[in-house]
Amino acid sequence: MFDNVISDRAKEIFCHIAPRYGLTLEEWNHDTDHVHIMFRGQPKSEISKFINAYKSASSRLLKKEFPKIREKLWKETFWSQSFCLLAAGGASIETIRQYIETQGER
């Protein structure tokens, strides 16, 4: 599903919505079926609300702008309902950034 063009557009949407929730993008990369995102939040950031808003807006916009996506979807669903959110407390930011940068490489 994700190629460089679709990933870049998904990233643009993220960067447009994130500031409203007190979030800033640190790193972004994609594989064929998911994205890895490192972002910085503030204590008042409502991350689950942001993720729901992002998934809703990006799904609608990506399907509209890239009609070929619809051919690969199951029941019109672009994103799964779940997500994995990890705090970076134990690892250095550089370690996490390197991990994200290498996703999708074989």
PDB file of N, CA and C in Angstrom:
ATOM      1  N   MET A   1       0.815  -1.186   0.000  1.00  0.00           N
ATOM      2  CA  MET A   1       0.000   0.000   0.000  1.00  0.00           C
ATOM      3  C   MET A   1       0.865   1.258   0.000  1.00  0.00           C
ATOM      4  N   PHE A   2       1.870   1.305   0.852  1.00  0.00           N
ATOM      5  CA  PHE A   2       2.693   2.509   0.943  1.00  0.00           C
ATOM      6  C   PHE A   2       3.849   2.454  -0.034  1.00  0.00           C
ATOM      7  N   ASP A   3       3.898   3.448  -0.896  1.00  0.00           N
ATOM      8  CA  ASP A   3       5.086   3.699  -1.689  1.00  0.00           C
ATOM      9  C   ASP A   3       5.591   5.069  -1.248  1.00  0.00           C
ATOM     10  N   ASN A   4       6.651   5.566  -1.864  1.00  0.00           N
ATOM     11  CA  ASN A   4       7.224   6.840  -1.423  1.00  0.00           C
ATOM     12  C   ASN A   4       6.250   8.004  -1.571  1.00  0.00           C
ATOM     13  N   VAL A   5       5.481   8.020  -2.648  1.00  0.00           N
ATOM     14  CA  VAL A   5       4.549   9.123  -2.898  1.00  0.00           C
ATOM     15  C   VAL A   5       3.431   9.135  -1.851  1.00  0.00           C
ATOM     16  N   ILE A   6       2.834   7.982  -1.607  1.00  0.00           N
ATOM     17  CA  ILE A   6       1.747   7.905  -0.629  1.00  0.00           C
ATOM     18  C   ILE A   6       2.281   8.179   0.779  1.00  0.00           C
ATOM     19  N   SER A   7       3.443   7.660   1.092  1.00  0.00           N
ATOM     20  CA  SER A   7       4.044   7.907   2.396  1.00  0.00           C
ATOM     21  C   SER A   7       4.333   9.393   2.591  1.00  0.00           C
ATOM     22  N   ASP A   8       4.867  10.041   1.562  1.00  0.00           N
ATOM     23  CA  ASP A   8       5.157  11.475   1.669  1.00  0.00           C
ATOM     24  C   ASP A   8       3.883  12.280   1.913  1.00  0.00           C
ATOM     25  N   ARG A   9       2.796  11.907   1.244  1.00  0.00           N
ATOM     26  CA  ARG A   9       1.534  12.622   1.444  1.00  0.00           C
ATOM     27  C   ARG A   9       0.978  12.358   2.841  1.00  0.00           C
ATOM     28  N   ALA A  10       1.075  11.123   3.309  1.00  0.00           N
ATOM     29  CA  ALA A  10       0.629  10.799   4.666  1.00  0.00           C
ATOM     30  C   ALA A  10       1.437  11.594   5.694  1.00  0.00           C
ATOM     31  N   LYS A  11       2.707  11.761   5.428  1.00  0.00           N
ATOM     32  CA  LYS A  11       3.575  12.546   6.312  1.00  0.00           C
ATOM     33  C   LYS A  11       3.166  14.014   6.308  1.00  0.00           C
ATOM     34  N   GLU A  12       2.837  14.565   5.149  1.00  0.00           N
ATOM     35  CA  GLU A  12       2.375  15.955   5.058  1.00  0.00           C
ATOM     36  C   GLU A  12       1.111  16.161   5.899  1.00  0.00           C
ATOM     37  N   ILE A  13       0.194  15.217   5.806  1.00  0.00           N
ATOM     38  CA  ILE A  13      -1.048  15.305   6.575  1.00  0.00           C
ATOM     39  C   ILE A  13      -0.728  15.271   8.064  1.00  0.00           C
ATOM     40  N   PHE A  14       0.184  14.386   8.457  1.00  0.00           N
ATOM     41  CA  PHE A  14       0.606  14.293   9.857  1.00  0.00           C
ATOM     42  C   PHE A  14       1.137  15.644  10.325  1.00  0.00           C
ATOM     43  N   CYS A  15       2.024  16.233   9.538  1.00  0.00           N
ATOM     44  CA  CYS A  15       2.655  17.508   9.917  1.00  0.00           C
ATOM     45  C   CYS A  15       1.647  18.661   9.957  1.00  0.00           C
ATOM     46  N   HIS A  16       0.581  18.544   9.220  1.00  0.00           N
ATOM     47  CA  HIS A  16      -0.459  19.574   9.228  1.00  0.00           C
ATOM     48  C   HIS A  16      -1.328  19.483  10.484  1.00  0.00           C
ATOM     49  N   ILE A  17      -1.641  18.268  10.916  1.00  0.00           N
ATOM     50  CA  ILE A  17      -2.549  18.065  12.047  1.00  0.00           C
ATOM     51  C   ILE A  17      -1.821  18.084  13.398  1.00  0.00           C
ATOM     52  N   ALA A  18      -0.614  17.565  13.450  1.00  0.00           N
ATOM     53  CA  ALA A  18       0.105  17.358  14.710  1.00  0.00           C
ATOM     54  C   ALA A  18       0.237  18.612  15.583  1.00  0.00           C
ATOM     55  N   PRO A  19       0.563  19.770  15.039  1.00  0.00           N
ATOM     56  CA  PRO A  19       0.730  20.940  15.915  1.00  0.00           C
ATOM     57  C   PRO A  19      -0.516  21.294  16.728  1.00  0.00           C
ATOM     58  N   ARG A  20      -1.689  20.982  16.204  1.00  0.00           N
ATOM     59  CA  ARG A  20      -2.927  21.262  16.945  1.00  0.00           C
ATOM     60  C   ARG A  20      -3.011  20.458  18.236  1.00  0.00           C
ATOM     61  N   TYR A  21      -2.244  19.388  18.295  1.00  0.00           N
ATOM     62  CA  TYR A  21      -2.250  18.510  19.471  1.00  0.00           C
ATOM     63  C   TYR A  21      -0.940  18.613  20.256  1.00  0.00           C
ATOM     64  N   GLY A  22      -0.132  19.589  19.943  1.00  0.00           N
ATOM     65  CA  GLY A  22       1.127  19.779  20.653  1.00  0.00           C
ATOM     66  C   GLY A  22       2.178  18.754  20.321  1.00  0.00           C
ATOM     67  N   LEU A  23       2.134  18.208  19.103  1.00  0.00           N
ATOM     68  CA  LEU A  23       3.083  17.187  18.681  1.00  0.00           C
ATOM     69  C   LEU A  23       3.963  17.704  17.550  1.00  0.00           C
ATOM     70  N   THR A  24       5.202  17.247  17.520  1.00  0.00           N
ATOM     71  CA  THR A  24       6.105  17.569  16.413  1.00  0.00           C
ATOM     72  C   THR A  24       6.741  16.281  15.898  1.00  0.00           C
ATOM     73  N   LEU A  25       6.861  16.189  14.601  1.00  0.00           N
ATOM     74  CA  LEU A  25       7.448  15.011  13.959  1.00  0.00           C
ATOM     75  C   LEU A  25       8.955  15.019  14.128  1.00  0.00           C
ATOM     76  N   GLU A  26       9.491  13.885  14.518  1.00  0.00           N
ATOM     77  CA  GLU A  26      10.943  13.723  14.642  1.00  0.00           C
ATOM     78  C   GLU A  26      11.496  12.848  13.523  1.00  0.00           C
ATOM     79  N   GLU A  27      10.786  11.760  13.212  1.00  0.00           N
ATOM     80  CA  GLU A  27      11.263  10.815  12.198  1.00  0.00           C
ATOM     81  C   GLU A  27      10.073  10.087  11.608  1.00  0.00           C
ATOM     82  N   TRP A  28      10.182   9.740  10.323  1.00  0.00           N
ATOM     83  CA  TRP A  28       9.094   9.050   9.603  1.00  0.00           C
ATOM     84  C   TRP A  28       9.720   8.090   8.616  1.00  0.00           C
ATOM     85  N   ASN A  29       9.188   6.883   8.532  1.00  0.00           N
ATOM     86  CA  ASN A  29       9.576   5.941   7.503  1.00  0.00           C
ATOM     87  C   ASN A  29       8.420   4.969   7.301  1.00  0.00           C
ATOM     88  N   HIS A  30       8.431   4.289   6.180  1.00  0.00           N
ATOM     89  CA  HIS A  30       7.345   3.361   5.887  1.00  0.00           C
ATOM     90  C   HIS A  30       7.885   2.043   5.363  1.00  0.00           C
ATOM     91  N   ASP A  31       7.065   1.040   5.520  1.00  0.00           N
ATOM     92  CA  ASP A  31       7.257  -0.239   4.869  1.00  0.00           C
ATOM     93  C   ASP A  31       6.070  -0.365   3.927  1.00  0.00           C
ATOM     94  N   THR A  32       5.863  -1.488   3.309  1.00  0.00           N
ATOM     95  CA  THR A  32       4.773  -1.590   2.339  1.00  0.00           C
ATOM     96  C   THR A  32       3.394  -1.546   2.984  1.00  0.00           C
ATOM     97  N   ASP A  33       3.302  -1.927   4.257  1.00  0.00           N
ATOM     98  CA  ASP A  33       1.972  -2.007   4.871  1.00  0.00           C
ATOM     99  C   ASP A  33       1.837  -1.258   6.198  1.00  0.00           C
ATOM    100  N   HIS A  34       2.805  -0.438   6.564  1.00  0.00           N
ATOM    101  CA  HIS A  34       2.695   0.336   7.795  1.00  0.00           C
ATOM    102  C   HIS A  34       3.734   1.457   7.809  1.00  0.00           C
ATOM    103  N   VAL A  35       3.566   2.354   8.758  1.00  0.00           N
ATOM    104  CA  VAL A  35       4.528   3.444   8.930  1.00  0.00           C
ATOM    105  C   VAL A  35       5.117   3.387  10.332  1.00  0.00           C
ATOM    106  N   HIS A  36       6.319   3.914  10.452  1.00  0.00           N
ATOM    107  CA  HIS A  36       6.981   4.094  11.740  1.00  0.00           C
ATOM    108  C   HIS A  36       7.144   5.591  11.921  1.00  0.00           C
ATOM    109  N   ILE A  37       6.662   6.090  13.033  1.00  0.00           N
ATOM    110  CA  ILE A  37       6.690   7.525  13.278  1.00  0.00           C
ATOM    111  C   ILE A  37       7.271   7.773  14.668  1.00  0.00           C
ATOM    112  N   MET A  38       8.244   8.670  14.741  1.00  0.00           N
ATOM    113  CA  MET A  38       8.723   9.128  16.035  1.00  0.00           C
ATOM    114  C   MET A  38       8.318  10.594  16.140  1.00  0.00           C
ATOM    115  N   PHE A  39       7.618  10.912  17.215  1.00  0.00           N
ATOM    116  CA  PHE A  39       7.205  12.290  17.404  1.00  0.00           C
ATOM    117  C   PHE A  39       7.429  12.683  18.850  1.00  0.00           C
ATOM    118  N   ARG A  40       7.459  13.980  19.049  1.00  0.00           N
ATOM    119  CA  ARG A  40       7.652  14.525  20.387  1.00  0.00           C
ATOM    120  C   ARG A  40       6.342  15.178  20.815  1.00  0.00           C
ATOM    121  N   GLY A  41       5.922  14.872  22.030  1.00  0.00           N
ATOM    122  CA  GLY A  41       4.698  15.445  22.558  1.00  0.00           C
ATOM    123  C   GLY A  41       4.969  16.239  23.816  1.00  0.00           C
ATOM    124  N   GLN A  42       3.938  16.891  24.280  1.00  0.00           N
ATOM    125  CA  GLN A  42       3.986  17.649  25.525  1.00  0.00           C
ATOM    126  C   GLN A  42       3.119  16.923  26.541  1.00  0.00           C
ATOM    127  N   PRO A  43       3.303  17.197  27.817  1.00  0.00           N
ATOM    128  CA  PRO A  43       2.479  16.512  28.825  1.00  0.00           C
ATOM    129  C   PRO A  43       0.977  16.672  28.586  1.00  0.00           C
ATOM    130  N   LYS A  44       0.574  17.780  28.015  1.00  0.00           N
ATOM    131  CA  LYS A  44      -0.853  18.003  27.774  1.00  0.00           C
ATOM    132  C   LYS A  44      -1.340  17.408  26.453  1.00  0.00           C
ATOM    133  N   SER A  45      -0.451  16.839  25.668  1.00  0.00           N
ATOM    134  CA  SER A  45      -0.837  16.258  24.377  1.00  0.00           C
ATOM    135  C   SER A  45      -1.820  15.113  24.571  1.00  0.00           C
ATOM    136  N   GLU A  46      -2.894  15.152  23.824  1.00  0.00           N
ATOM    137  CA  GLU A  46      -3.885  14.079  23.864  1.00  0.00           C
ATOM    138  C   GLU A  46      -3.615  13.158  22.678  1.00  0.00           C
ATOM    139  N   ILE A  47      -2.711  12.224  22.886  1.00  0.00           N
ATOM    140  CA  ILE A  47      -2.191  11.413  21.793  1.00  0.00           C
ATOM    141  C   ILE A  47      -3.268  10.532  21.167  1.00  0.00           C
ATOM    142  N   SER A  48      -4.098   9.906  21.952  1.00  0.00           N
ATOM    143  CA  SER A  48      -5.120   9.033  21.359  1.00  0.00           C
ATOM    144  C   SER A  48      -6.112   9.842  20.520  1.00  0.00           C
ATOM    145  N   LYS A  49      -6.453  11.041  20.947  1.00  0.00           N
ATOM    146  CA  LYS A  49      -7.339  11.898  20.141  1.00  0.00           C
ATOM    147  C   LYS A  49      -6.652  12.294  18.837  1.00  0.00           C
ATOM    148  N   PHE A  50      -5.367  12.601  18.934  1.00  0.00           N
ATOM    149  CA  PHE A  50      -4.625  12.934  17.716  1.00  0.00           C
ATOM    150  C   PHE A  50      -4.605  11.758  16.752  1.00  0.00           C
ATOM    151  N   ILE A  51      -4.302  10.584  17.249  1.00  0.00           N
ATOM    152  CA  ILE A  51      -4.211   9.414  16.366  1.00  0.00           C
ATOM    153  C   ILE A  51      -5.544   9.161  15.674  1.00  0.00           C
ATOM    154  N   ASN A  52      -6.633   9.267  16.405  1.00  0.00           N
ATOM    155  CA  ASN A  52      -7.944   9.098  15.784  1.00  0.00           C
ATOM    156  C   ASN A  52      -8.209  10.163  14.725  1.00  0.00           C
ATOM    157  N   ALA A  53      -7.884  11.415  15.018  1.00  0.00           N
ATOM    158  CA  ALA A  53      -8.078  12.501  14.048  1.00  0.00           C
ATOM    159  C   ALA A  53      -7.190  12.288  12.826  1.00  0.00           C
ATOM    160  N   TYR A  54      -5.951  11.892  13.065  1.00  0.00           N
ATOM    161  CA  TYR A  54      -5.024  11.670  11.954  1.00  0.00           C
ATOM    162  C   TYR A  54      -5.484  10.519  11.062  1.00  0.00           C
ATOM    163  N   LYS A  55      -5.844   9.414  11.676  1.00  0.00           N
ATOM    164  CA  LYS A  55      -6.275   8.263  10.888  1.00  0.00           C
ATOM    165  C   LYS A  55      -7.511   8.598  10.061  1.00  0.00           C
ATOM    166  N   SER A  56      -8.437   9.313  10.649  1.00  0.00           N
ATOM    167  CA  SER A  56      -9.663   9.673   9.936  1.00  0.00           C
ATOM    168  C   SER A  56      -9.368  10.595   8.754  1.00  0.00           C
ATOM    169  N   ALA A  57      -8.641  11.674   9.005  1.00  0.00           N
ATOM    170  CA  ALA A  57      -8.346  12.641   7.943  1.00  0.00           C
ATOM    171  C   ALA A  57      -7.453  12.040   6.867  1.00  0.00           C
ATOM    172  N   SER A  58      -6.410  11.338   7.269  1.00  0.00           N
ATOM    173  CA  SER A  58      -5.486  10.794   6.269  1.00  0.00           C
ATOM    174  C   SER A  58      -6.150   9.710   5.427  1.00  0.00           C
ATOM    175  N   SER A  59      -6.985   8.892   6.036  1.00  0.00           N
ATOM    176  CA  SER A  59      -7.685   7.863   5.280  1.00  0.00           C
ATOM    177  C   SER A  59      -8.560   8.493   4.203  1.00  0.00           C
ATOM    178  N   ARG A  60      -9.334   9.478   4.605  1.00  0.00           N
ATOM    179  CA  ARG A  60     -10.234  10.143   3.667  1.00  0.00           C
ATOM    180  C   ARG A  60      -9.449  10.814   2.535  1.00  0.00           C
ATOM    181  N   LEU A  61      -8.402  11.555   2.888  1.00  0.00           N
ATOM    182  CA  LEU A  61      -7.633  12.284   1.876  1.00  0.00           C
ATOM    183  C   LEU A  61      -6.835  11.361   0.964  1.00  0.00           C
ATOM    184  N   LEU A  62      -6.195  10.355   1.531  1.00  0.00           N
ATOM    185  CA  LEU A  62      -5.392   9.446   0.711  1.00  0.00           C
ATOM    186  C   LEU A  62      -6.258   8.660  -0.272  1.00  0.00           C
ATOM    187  N   LYS A  63      -7.416   8.194   0.178  1.00  0.00           N
ATOM    188  CA  LYS A  63      -8.310   7.460  -0.734  1.00  0.00           C
ATOM    189  C   LYS A  63      -8.843   8.373  -1.833  1.00  0.00           C
ATOM    190  N   LYS A  64      -9.055   9.625  -1.507  1.00  0.00           N
ATOM    191  CA  LYS A  64      -9.543  10.588  -2.503  1.00  0.00           C
ATOM    192  C   LYS A  64      -8.450  10.933  -3.519  1.00  0.00           C
ATOM    193  N   GLU A  65      -7.246  11.174  -3.028  1.00  0.00           N
ATOM    194  CA  GLU A  65      -6.143  11.616  -3.882  1.00  0.00           C
ATOM    195  C   GLU A  65      -5.476  10.469  -4.646  1.00  0.00           C
ATOM    196  N   PHE A  66      -5.579   9.254  -4.131  1.00  0.00           N
ATOM    197  CA  PHE A  66      -4.964   8.085  -4.762  1.00  0.00           C
ATOM    198  C   PHE A  66      -6.015   6.988  -4.904  1.00  0.00           C
ATOM    199  N   PRO A  67      -6.900   7.088  -5.887  1.00  0.00           N
ATOM    200  CA  PRO A  67      -7.998   6.128  -6.035  1.00  0.00           C
ATOM    201  C   PRO A  67      -7.544   4.672  -6.128  1.00  0.00           C
ATOM    202  N   LYS A  68      -6.322   4.430  -6.592  1.00  0.00           N
ATOM    203  CA  LYS A  68      -5.832   3.054  -6.701  1.00  0.00           C
ATOM    204  C   LYS A  68      -5.758   2.353  -5.345  1.00  0.00           C
ATOM    205  N   ILE A  69      -5.699   3.143  -4.272  1.00  0.00           N
ATOM    206  CA  ILE A  69      -5.643   2.567  -2.926  1.00  0.00           C
ATOM    207  C   ILE A  69      -6.874   1.713  -2.653  1.00  0.00           C
ATOM    208  N   ARG A  70      -8.024   2.176  -3.113  1.00  0.00           N
ATOM    209  CA  ARG A  70      -9.288   1.473  -2.836  1.00  0.00           C
ATOM    210  C   ARG A  70      -9.270   0.033  -3.338  1.00  0.00           C
ATOM    211  N   GLU A  71      -8.525  -0.233  -4.397  1.00  0.00           N
ATOM    212  CA  GLU A  71      -8.450  -1.583  -4.954  1.00  0.00           C
ATOM    213  C   GLU A  71      -7.785  -2.570  -3.995  1.00  0.00           C
ATOM    214  N   LYS A  72      -6.959  -2.061  -3.100  1.00  0.00           N
ATOM    215  CA  LYS A  72      -6.192  -2.920  -2.204  1.00  0.00           C
ATOM    216  C   LYS A  72      -6.776  -3.000  -0.799  1.00  0.00           C
ATOM    217  N   LEU A  73      -7.840  -2.253  -0.552  1.00  0.00           N
ATOM    218  CA  LEU A  73      -8.404  -2.210   0.794  1.00  0.00           C
ATOM    219  C   LEU A  73      -9.387  -3.342   1.041  1.00  0.00           C
ATOM    220  N   TRP A  74      -9.520  -3.655   2.303  1.00  0.00           N
ATOM    221  CA  TRP A  74     -10.515  -4.622   2.727  1.00  0.00           C
ATOM    222  C   TRP A  74     -11.626  -3.838   3.405  1.00  0.00           C
ATOM    223  N   LYS A  75     -12.805  -3.824   2.806  1.00  0.00           N
ATOM    224  CA  LYS A  75     -13.972  -3.119   3.342  1.00  0.00           C
ATOM    225  C   LYS A  75     -13.716  -1.622   3.538  1.00  0.00           C
ATOM    226  N   GLU A  76     -13.026  -0.999   2.604  1.00  0.00           N
ATOM    227  CA  GLU A  76     -12.799   0.454   2.647  1.00  0.00           C
ATOM    228  C   GLU A  76     -11.941   0.933   3.818  1.00  0.00           C
ATOM    229  N   THR A  77     -11.396   0.033   4.598  1.00  0.00           N
ATOM    230  CA  THR A  77     -10.615   0.422   5.770  1.00  0.00           C
ATOM    231  C   THR A  77      -9.158   0.621   5.400  1.00  0.00           C
ATOM    232  N   PHE A  78      -8.664   1.845   5.583  1.00  0.00           N
ATOM    233  CA  PHE A  78      -7.264   2.130   5.274  1.00  0.00           C
ATOM    234  C   PHE A  78      -6.359   1.773   6.454  1.00  0.00           C
ATOM    235  N   TRP A  79      -6.672   2.264   7.630  1.00  0.00           N
ATOM    236  CA  TRP A  79      -5.883   1.983   8.826  1.00  0.00           C
ATOM    237  C   TRP A  79      -6.603   0.937   9.679  1.00  0.00           C
ATOM    238  N   SER A  80      -5.847   0.137  10.404  1.00  0.00           N
ATOM    239  CA  SER A  80      -6.469  -0.743  11.387  1.00  0.00           C
ATOM    240  C   SER A  80      -6.897   0.116  12.578  1.00  0.00           C
ATOM    241  N   GLN A  81      -7.759  -0.420  13.413  1.00  0.00           N
ATOM    242  CA  GLN A  81      -8.210   0.338  14.579  1.00  0.00           C
ATOM    243  C   GLN A  81      -7.130   0.418  15.651  1.00  0.00           C
ATOM    244  N   SER A  82      -6.168  -0.470  15.592  1.00  0.00           N
ATOM    245  CA  SER A  82      -5.145  -0.509  16.633  1.00  0.00           C
ATOM    246  C   SER A  82      -3.921   0.314  16.226  1.00  0.00           C
ATOM    247  N   PHE A  83      -3.070   0.561  17.202  1.00  0.00           N
ATOM    248  CA  PHE A  83      -1.782   1.193  16.962  1.00  0.00           C
ATOM    249  C   PHE A  83      -0.859   0.812  18.106  1.00  0.00           C
ATOM    250  N   CYS A  84       0.419   0.930  17.859  1.00  0.00           N
ATOM    251  CA  CYS A  84       1.417   0.644  18.888  1.00  0.00           C
ATOM    252  C   CYS A  84       2.096   1.957  19.239  1.00  0.00           C
ATOM    253  N   LEU A  85       2.045   2.326  20.499  1.00  0.00           N
ATOM    254  CA  LEU A  85       2.655   3.548  20.968  1.00  0.00           C
ATOM    255  C   LEU A  85       3.661   3.184  22.046  1.00  0.00           C
ATOM    256  N   LEU A  86       4.907   3.542  21.824  1.00  0.00           N
ATOM    257  CA  LEU A  86       5.967   3.226  22.775  1.00  0.00           C
ATOM    258  C   LEU A  86       6.627   4.513  23.247  1.00  0.00           C
ATOM    259  N   ALA A  87       6.920   4.586  24.515  1.00  0.00           N
ATOM    260  CA  ALA A  87       7.680   5.712  25.057  1.00  0.00           C
ATOM    261  C   ALA A  87       9.160   5.430  24.840  1.00  0.00           C
ATOM    262  N   ALA A  88       9.918   6.469  24.609  1.00  0.00           N
ATOM    263  CA  ALA A  88      11.341   6.314  24.305  1.00  0.00           C
ATOM    264  C   ALA A  88      12.218   6.475  25.531  1.00  0.00           C
ATOM    265  N   GLY A  89      11.678   6.264  26.692  1.00  0.00           N
ATOM    266  CA  GLY A  89      12.406   6.496  27.925  1.00  0.00           C
ATOM    267  C   GLY A  89      13.743   5.795  28.044  1.00  0.00           C
ATOM    268  N   GLY A  90      13.844   4.518  27.663  1.00  0.00           N
ATOM    269  CA  GLY A  90      15.079   3.771  27.880  1.00  0.00           C
ATOM    270  C   GLY A  90      16.088   3.847  26.759  1.00  0.00           C
ATOM    271  N   ALA A  91      15.650   4.182  25.557  1.00  0.00           N
ATOM    272  CA  ALA A  91      16.558   4.207  24.408  1.00  0.00           C
ATOM    273  C   ALA A  91      16.864   5.649  24.030  1.00  0.00           C
ATOM    274  N   SER A  92      18.037   5.831  23.470  1.00  0.00           N
ATOM    275  CA  SER A  92      18.375   7.182  23.019  1.00  0.00           C
ATOM    276  C   SER A  92      17.564   7.522  21.772  1.00  0.00           C
ATOM    277  N   ILE A  93      17.340   8.800  21.574  1.00  0.00           N
ATOM    278  CA  ILE A  93      16.606   9.258  20.401  1.00  0.00           C
ATOM    279  C   ILE A  93      17.339   8.818  19.135  1.00  0.00           C
ATOM    280  N   GLU A  94      18.648   8.834  19.152  1.00  0.00           N
ATOM    281  CA  GLU A  94      19.418   8.433  17.967  1.00  0.00           C
ATOM    282  C   GLU A  94      19.211   6.955  17.653  1.00  0.00           C
ATOM    283  N   THR A  95      19.138   6.106  18.650  1.00  0.00           N
ATOM    284  CA  THR A  95      18.885   4.676  18.438  1.00  0.00           C
ATOM    285  C   THR A  95      17.523   4.463  17.791  1.00  0.00           C
ATOM    286  N   ILE A  96      16.529   5.157  18.288  1.00  0.00           N
ATOM    287  CA  ILE A  96      15.181   5.034  17.724  1.00  0.00           C
ATOM    288  C   ILE A  96      15.153   5.579  16.306  1.00  0.00           C
ATOM    289  N   ARG A  97      15.790   6.714  16.088  1.00  0.00           N
ATOM    290  CA  ARG A  97      15.842   7.304  14.748  1.00  0.00           C
ATOM    291  C   ARG A  97      16.494   6.342  13.757  1.00  0.00           C
ATOM    292  N   GLN A  98      17.596   5.707  14.134  1.00  0.00           N
ATOM    293  CA  GLN A  98      18.260   4.742  13.246  1.00  0.00           C
ATOM    294  C   GLN A  98      17.356   3.551  12.942  1.00  0.00           C
ATOM    295  N   TYR A  99      16.631   3.078  13.958  1.00  0.00           N
ATOM    296  CA  TYR A  99      15.705   1.969  13.751  1.00  0.00           C
ATOM    297  C   TYR A  99      14.648   2.351  12.708  1.00  0.00           C
ATOM    298  N   ILE A 100      14.058   3.518  12.871  1.00  0.00           N
ATOM    299  CA  ILE A 100      13.015   3.950  11.950  1.00  0.00           C
ATOM    300  C   ILE A 100      13.570   4.153  10.550  1.00  0.00           C
ATOM    301  N   GLU A 101      14.744   4.739  10.432  1.00  0.00           N
ATOM    302  CA  GLU A 101      15.354   4.988   9.135  1.00  0.00           C
ATOM    303  C   GLU A 101      15.612   3.700   8.352  1.00  0.00           C
ATOM    304  N   THR A 102      15.870   2.605   9.071  1.00  0.00           N
ATOM    305  CA  THR A 102      16.203   1.355   8.367  1.00  0.00           C
ATOM    306  C   THR A 102      14.982   0.485   8.067  1.00  0.00           C
ATOM    307  N   GLN A 103      13.800   0.901   8.463  1.00  0.00           N
ATOM    308  CA  GLN A 103      12.605   0.107   8.168  1.00  0.00           C
ATOM    309  C   GLN A 103      12.369   0.067   6.667  1.00  0.00           C
ATOM    310  N   GLY A 104      11.969  -1.068   6.180  1.00  0.00           N
ATOM    311  CA  GLY A 104      11.730  -1.242   4.758  1.00  0.00           C
ATOM    312  C   GLY A 104      12.953  -1.668   3.976  1.00  0.00           C
ATOM    313  N   GLU A 105      14.121  -1.634   4.609  1.00  0.00           N
ATOM    314  CA  GLU A 105      15.338  -2.091   3.939  1.00  0.00           C
ATOM    315  C   GLU A 105      15.463  -3.584   4.102  1.00  0.00           C
ATOM    316  N   ARG A 106      15.977  -4.223   3.108  1.00  0.00           N
ATOM    317  CA  ARG A 106      16.139  -5.679   3.184  1.00  0.00           C
ATOM    318  C   ARG A 106      17.578  -6.012   3.422  1.00  0.00           C
TER     319      ARG A 106
END
